[in-house]
Protein backbone atom coordinates (compact mmCIF):
# COMPACT_ATOMS: atom_id res chain seq x y z
CA MET A 1 -2.13 14.41 -8.41
CA LYS A 2 -3.10 12.18 -5.80
CA ASN A 3 -1.12 11.92 -2.48
CA LEU A 4 -2.58 8.23 -1.35
CA LYS A 5 -0.57 6.82 2.20
CA ILE A 6 1.45 3.42 1.98
CA ILE A 7 2.38 1.05 4.21
CA VAL A 8 5.43 -0.88 4.32
CA GLU A 9 6.59 -4.24 6.39
CA LYS A 10 9.88 -5.41 6.85
CA HIS A 11 9.41 -8.37 7.38
CA PRO A 12 12.93 -10.75 7.53
CA ASP A 13 13.70 -11.58 4.45
CA GLY A 14 12.68 -7.96 2.66
CA TYR A 15 10.05 -5.15 2.18
CA VAL A 16 6.04 -5.48 1.48
CA ALA A 17 4.10 -2.23 0.39
CA TYR A 18 0.42 -1.84 -0.03
CA PRO A 19 -1.64 1.42 -0.26
CA LEU A 20 -4.58 2.32 2.39
CA GLY A 21 -7.41 3.72 -0.49
CA LEU A 22 -7.15 1.89 -3.50
CA GLN A 23 -9.93 -0.71 -4.53
CA GLY A 24 -8.91 -3.23 -5.19
CA ALA A 25 -5.28 -6.33 -3.77
CA VAL A 26 -2.02 -3.51 -4.74
CA VAL A 27 1.10 -5.01 -2.98
CA ALA A 28 4.29 -5.02 -4.10
CA GLN A 29 7.68 -5.91 -2.36
CA GLY A 30 11.07 -4.81 -2.29
CA ALA A 31 14.94 -6.25 -0.29
CA THR A 32 15.06 -2.28 0.69
CA TYR A 33 12.45 -0.16 1.88
CA GLU A 34 13.13 1.82 -1.15
CA ALA A 35 12.39 -1.21 -3.01
CA ALA A 36 8.82 -1.68 -2.38
CA LEU A 37 7.66 1.61 -1.73
CA ALA A 38 9.30 2.85 -5.13
CA ASP A 39 7.20 -1.30 -6.47
CA ALA A 40 3.84 -0.32 -5.04
CA LYS A 41 3.94 3.07 -6.39
CA SER A 42 3.93 1.88 -9.71
CA ALA A 43 2.25 -1.09 -8.67
CA ILE A 44 -0.60 1.89 -8.02
CA GLN A 45 -0.12 3.30 -10.87
CA PHE A 46 -0.73 0.98 -13.45
CA HIS A 47 -3.46 -0.41 -11.42
CA ILE A 48 -5.27 2.64 -12.25
CA GLU A 49 -4.19 3.10 -15.99
CA THR A 50 -5.38 -0.43 -15.97
CA PHE A 51 -9.35 0.34 -13.66
CA GLY A 52 -9.48 3.51 -14.39
CA PRO A 53 -10.07 6.69 -11.23
CA GLN A 54 -12.73 5.32 -10.05
CA VAL A 55 -10.64 2.40 -7.88
CA LEU A 56 -9.43 5.33 -5.72
CA GLU A 57 -12.28 5.78 -2.99
CA GLU A 58 -14.03 8.85 -2.31
CA ASP A 59 -13.24 9.18 0.64
CA ASP A 60 -9.21 9.63 2.18
CA VAL A 61 -7.19 8.11 4.66
CA LEU A 62 -6.63 11.29 6.94
CA GLU A 63 -4.37 8.35 9.20
CA ALA A 64 -3.62 5.42 9.56
CA PHE A 65 -1.85 3.11 12.93
CA VAL A 66 -1.04 0.31 13.82
CA ALA A 67 -2.08 -1.68 16.82
CA GLU A 68 -0.72 -4.19 19.14
CA ALA A 69 -3.47 -6.60 19.99
CA GLY A 70 -2.87 -9.52 22.14
CA VAL A 71 -4.78 -13.05 21.11
CA LEU A 72 -5.44 -16.73 22.10
CA VAL A 73 -3.41 -18.86 20.26
């Protein structure tokens, strides 16, 4: 068992979730926070079963931060 941090974003039309500390692209979605998180967990399990445990990065993500920065558009 390995615990991964999962980012869950709220959008106007639902939620998007993706893990940190995993090689490759795994993105999940759902109408609710819980649905997106469940979809992410299922997608992560499938990704590891398909590509092997080597997709787990050696260094654990200790913390994740969300920062906001203004940019010219």
